[in-house]
Amino acid sequence: MASDEQTSSILQGRWEAEVPTTAFLEFRGPAPVGGLLGGKPGEGVLSGSDGCNGVGGWYAPDGETATIRRGLSTLKACPGVDTWLSKASSVRADGTVLHVYDGTGEEIGVLTRAET
């Protein structure tokens, strides 16, 4: 198993959806620990959009996978927008593809690593 430092570098960066094109997740480095908005030890900071609403939270890396713990997000109505990414509970990196899973472990979509 990779260390958290190695793993977070696998996941770190921006991953984008094909549909909706405005949906993305961005995995950043270690989260501040504690406080109202702080993460837990070993977690990284997560931000993004489901194509309509902003999402935030933390991720706990483990190998090429990570569990997502949701934090603050906006909750506006999104007629005609498929907000599948708002259901993300875990992810698994496979090269330039990030598989996204819901709370039951079912794959709900994929994201592609953004070019830097």
Protein backbone atom coordinates (compact mmCIF):
# COMPACT_ATOMS: atom_id res chain seq x y z
CA MET A 1 0.00 0.00 0.00
CA ALA A 2 1.25 3.49 -0.82
CA SER A 3 1.78 6.07 1.89
CA ASP A 4 -0.73 8.91 2.22
CA GLU A 5 1.88 11.25 0.73
CA GLN A 6 2.33 9.05 -2.36
CA THR A 7 -1.39 8.43 -2.67
CA SER A 8 -2.44 12.04 -2.41
CA SER A 9 -0.07 12.86 -5.28
CA ILE A 10 -1.88 10.22 -7.39
CA LEU A 11 -5.23 11.88 -6.72
CA GLN A 12 -4.15 15.52 -6.40
CA GLY A 13 -5.27 17.85 -9.12
CA ARG A 14 -8.42 18.56 -11.08
CA TRP A 15 -10.62 15.82 -12.58
CA GLU A 16 -13.39 16.84 -15.02
CA ALA A 17 -16.61 15.30 -16.30
CA GLU A 18 -17.68 15.12 -19.93
CA VAL A 19 -21.31 15.69 -18.91
CA PRO A 20 -22.05 18.17 -17.51
CA THR A 21 -18.89 19.89 -18.72
CA THR A 22 -18.88 22.17 -15.67
CA ALA A 23 -18.68 19.25 -13.20
CA PHE A 24 -15.31 18.56 -11.58
CA LEU A 25 -13.53 17.49 -8.41
CA GLU A 26 -10.24 18.96 -7.27
CA PHE A 27 -8.11 17.10 -4.74
CA ARG A 28 -5.62 19.23 -2.82
CA GLY A 29 -3.02 18.56 -0.14
CA PRO A 30 -3.42 18.05 3.59
CA ALA A 31 -6.45 19.57 5.29
CA PRO A 32 -6.07 21.73 8.39
CA VAL A 33 -6.97 19.48 11.33
CA GLY A 34 -9.69 20.37 13.85
CA GLY A 35 -12.09 23.23 14.19
CA LEU A 36 -15.48 23.61 12.55
CA LEU A 37 -14.15 23.36 8.98
CA GLY A 38 -11.04 21.29 9.65
CA GLY A 39 -10.31 17.81 8.45
CA LYS A 40 -9.14 14.72 10.26
CA PRO A 41 -5.49 13.59 10.36
CA GLY A 42 -4.47 12.13 6.99
CA GLU A 43 -7.27 13.81 5.01
CA GLY A 44 -6.85 16.13 2.05
CA VAL A 45 -9.07 19.02 0.95
CA LEU A 46 -11.69 18.40 -1.74
CA SER A 47 -13.61 21.00 -3.76
CA GLY A 48 -15.59 21.00 -6.96
CA SER A 49 -18.95 21.34 -8.64
CA ASP A 50 -21.67 18.89 -9.66
CA GLY A 51 -22.38 21.13 -12.65
CA CYS A 52 -24.68 23.43 -10.71
CA ASN A 53 -23.77 23.44 -7.01
CA GLY A 54 -20.39 23.88 -5.41
CA VAL A 55 -19.20 20.97 -3.29
CA GLY A 56 -16.56 20.86 -0.61
CA GLY A 57 -15.18 18.43 1.89
CA TRP A 58 -12.28 16.11 2.56
CA TYR A 59 -10.88 12.87 1.21
CA ALA A 60 -9.07 10.05 2.98
CA PRO A 61 -6.59 8.42 0.55
CA ASP A 62 -5.83 4.69 0.58
CA GLY A 63 -3.80 3.41 -2.36
CA GLU A 64 -5.44 4.51 -5.61
CA THR A 65 -8.76 4.99 -3.80
CA ALA A 66 -10.19 7.60 -1.46
CA THR A 67 -13.26 7.93 0.70
CA ILE A 68 -15.02 11.28 0.40
CA ARG A 69 -16.45 13.09 3.41
CA ARG A 70 -18.77 15.87 2.32
CA GLY A 71 -18.57 19.30 3.86
CA LEU A 72 -20.26 22.52 2.85
CA SER A 73 -22.06 22.84 -0.47
CA THR A 74 -24.61 25.05 -2.13
CA LEU A 75 -28.15 23.73 -2.63
CA LYS A 76 -29.74 25.61 -5.52
CA ALA A 77 -32.25 24.08 -7.93
CA CYS A 78 -30.67 22.73 -11.10
CA PRO A 79 -33.38 22.04 -13.72
CA GLY A 80 -32.00 20.04 -16.63
CA VAL A 81 -28.61 19.40 -14.99
CA ASP A 82 -27.57 15.84 -14.11
CA THR A 83 -26.03 16.34 -10.66
CA TRP A 84 -24.67 12.78 -10.36
CA LEU A 85 -21.39 14.00 -8.90
CA SER A 86 -23.18 15.27 -5.78
CA LYS A 87 -23.69 11.59 -4.83
CA ALA A 88 -19.94 10.81 -4.80
CA SER A 89 -18.86 8.80 -1.77
CA SER A 90 -15.57 7.30 -2.96
CA VAL A 91 -13.23 7.32 -5.93
CA ARG A 92 -10.60 5.12 -7.57
CA ALA A 93 -7.85 6.42 -9.86
CA ASP A 94 -6.94 4.36 -12.93
CA GLY A 95 -4.35 6.30 -14.91
CA THR A 96 -6.03 9.43 -16.26
CA VAL A 97 -9.53 8.19 -15.33
CA LEU A 98 -11.16 8.63 -11.92
CA HIS A 99 -14.03 6.22 -11.23
CA VAL A 100 -16.68 7.72 -8.95
CA TYR A 101 -18.87 5.59 -6.65
CA ASP A 102 -21.97 6.32 -4.59
CA GLY A 103 -22.59 5.25 -0.98
CA THR A 104 -23.62 1.73 -2.06
CA GLY A 105 -20.36 1.21 -3.97
CA GLU A 106 -22.01 1.46 -7.39
CA GLU A 107 -20.06 3.33 -10.06
CA ILE A 108 -22.02 6.46 -10.97
CA GLY A 109 -19.60 8.04 -13.43
CA VAL A 110 -16.04 8.83 -14.41
CA LEU A 111 -13.90 11.94 -14.48
CA THR A 112 -10.79 12.57 -16.56
CA ARG A 113 -7.64 14.20 -15.23
CA ALA A 114 -7.48 17.80 -16.44
CA GLU A 115 -4.44 18.76 -18.47
CA THR A 116 -2.14 21.11 -16.62
